[in-house]
């Protein structure tokens, strides 16, 4: 294989990782509305903001052309935030109106 083929393959892989990181970043931003809920603990909110800062930060565990660490941090923040939101929501029992529950 020629050297230019490896450069092209590397560029395609880096572009794919950049797209995945961008999608995860947008998903984390959309999940921000969950932070409005007062039932979410402070450490989950802090994890959300730390993930955003880490993603845009020039200091990384792995250099920026490889976005695996950014994707992992964003996935951890999303998982933690959604788990905290699910735990904070009132349970939806069939046949019970949450608005009239005492």
Protein backbone atom coordinates (compact mmCIF):
# COMPACT_ATOMS: atom_id res chain seq x y z
CA UNK A 1 0.00 0.00 0.00
CA UNK A 2 1.14 3.47 -0.83
CA UNK A 3 1.75 6.10 1.86
CA UNK A 4 -1.07 8.26 0.53
CA UNK A 5 -3.55 5.43 1.07
CA UNK A 6 -2.63 5.31 4.76
CA UNK A 7 -3.02 9.07 5.02
CA UNK A 8 -6.47 8.86 3.43
CA UNK A 9 -7.52 5.98 5.70
CA UNK A 10 -6.25 7.90 8.73
CA UNK A 11 -8.11 11.03 7.66
CA UNK A 12 -11.34 9.08 7.19
CA UNK A 13 -11.00 7.45 10.62
CA UNK A 14 -10.27 10.81 12.28
CA UNK A 15 -13.24 12.40 10.48
CA UNK A 16 -15.48 9.57 11.68
CA UNK A 17 -14.30 9.98 15.26
CA UNK A 18 -14.84 13.74 15.02
CA UNK A 19 -18.43 13.18 13.84
CA UNK A 20 -19.13 10.76 16.69
CA UNK A 21 -17.66 13.23 19.21
CA UNK A 22 -19.77 16.05 17.75
CA UNK A 23 -22.93 13.94 17.96
CA UNK A 24 -22.17 13.03 21.57
CA UNK A 25 -21.50 16.70 22.38
CA UNK A 26 -24.88 17.69 20.92
CA UNK A 27 -26.61 14.92 22.88
CA UNK A 28 -25.02 16.16 26.10
CA UNK A 29 -26.15 19.70 25.34
CA UNK A 30 -29.69 18.48 24.71
CA UNK A 31 -29.59 16.58 27.98
CA UNK A 32 -28.86 19.88 29.69
CA UNK A 33 -32.59 20.41 30.13
CA UNK A 34 -32.52 17.56 32.63
CA UNK A 35 -30.36 19.74 34.87
CA UNK A 36 -33.30 22.06 35.45
CA UNK A 37 -34.92 19.29 37.48
CA UNK A 38 -34.18 20.04 41.14
CA UNK A 39 -34.05 16.34 42.02
CA UNK A 40 -30.75 15.71 40.25
CA UNK A 41 -27.78 15.58 42.67
CA UNK A 42 -25.01 18.15 42.41
CA UNK A 43 -22.33 15.60 41.48
CA UNK A 44 -24.26 14.60 38.36
CA UNK A 45 -24.62 18.24 37.36
CA UNK A 46 -20.91 18.76 37.98
CA UNK A 47 -20.09 15.70 35.86
CA UNK A 48 -22.11 17.22 33.01
CA UNK A 49 -20.19 20.50 33.12
CA UNK A 50 -16.85 18.73 33.57
CA UNK A 51 -17.54 16.63 30.45
CA UNK A 52 -18.27 19.74 28.41
CA UNK A 53 -15.15 21.52 29.65
CA UNK A 54 -12.99 18.44 29.00
CA UNK A 55 -14.37 18.09 25.46
CA UNK A 56 -13.55 21.65 24.43
CA UNK A 57 -10.32 21.78 26.45
CA UNK A 58 -7.03 21.62 24.53
CA UNK A 59 -5.58 19.42 27.31
CA UNK A 60 -6.53 15.75 26.75
CA UNK A 61 -5.43 12.30 27.84
CA UNK A 62 -5.14 11.35 24.17
CA UNK A 63 -4.15 14.01 21.59
CA UNK A 64 -7.09 15.67 19.83
CA UNK A 65 -6.92 13.98 16.42
CA UNK A 66 -8.13 10.87 18.31
CA UNK A 67 -11.44 11.66 20.04
CA UNK A 68 -11.88 8.37 21.91
CA UNK A 69 -11.30 9.92 25.33
CA UNK A 70 -13.73 12.77 24.60
CA UNK A 71 -16.38 10.32 23.40
CA UNK A 72 -15.91 8.18 26.53
CA UNK A 73 -16.24 11.16 28.86
CA UNK A 74 -19.36 12.38 27.06
CA UNK A 75 -20.93 8.91 27.16
CA UNK A 76 -20.20 8.64 30.89
CA UNK A 77 -21.79 12.05 31.50
CA UNK A 78 -24.88 11.14 29.47
CA UNK A 79 -25.31 7.80 31.22
CA UNK A 80 -24.90 9.35 34.64
CA UNK A 81 -27.23 12.25 33.88
CA UNK A 82 -29.98 10.04 32.47
CA UNK A 83 -29.71 7.62 35.41
CA UNK A 84 -29.99 10.50 37.89
CA UNK A 85 -32.96 11.95 36.01
CA UNK A 86 -34.71 8.57 35.93
CA UNK A 87 -34.17 8.17 39.68
CA UNK A 88 -35.51 11.68 40.34
CA UNK A 89 -38.69 11.29 38.27
CA UNK A 90 -41.83 10.12 40.02
CA UNK A 91 -42.89 6.62 39.06
CA UNK A 92 -45.67 6.36 36.52
CA UNK A 93 -48.13 3.78 37.75
CA UNK A 94 -50.87 2.74 35.32
CA UNK A 95 -54.23 4.30 36.14
CA UNK A 96 -52.83 6.85 38.61
CA UNK A 97 -52.85 10.52 37.71
CA UNK A 98 -49.61 12.05 38.94
CA UNK A 99 -51.20 15.50 39.24
CA UNK A 100 -53.80 14.29 41.77
CA UNK A 101 -51.47 12.02 43.74
CA UNK A 102 -51.06 13.18 47.35
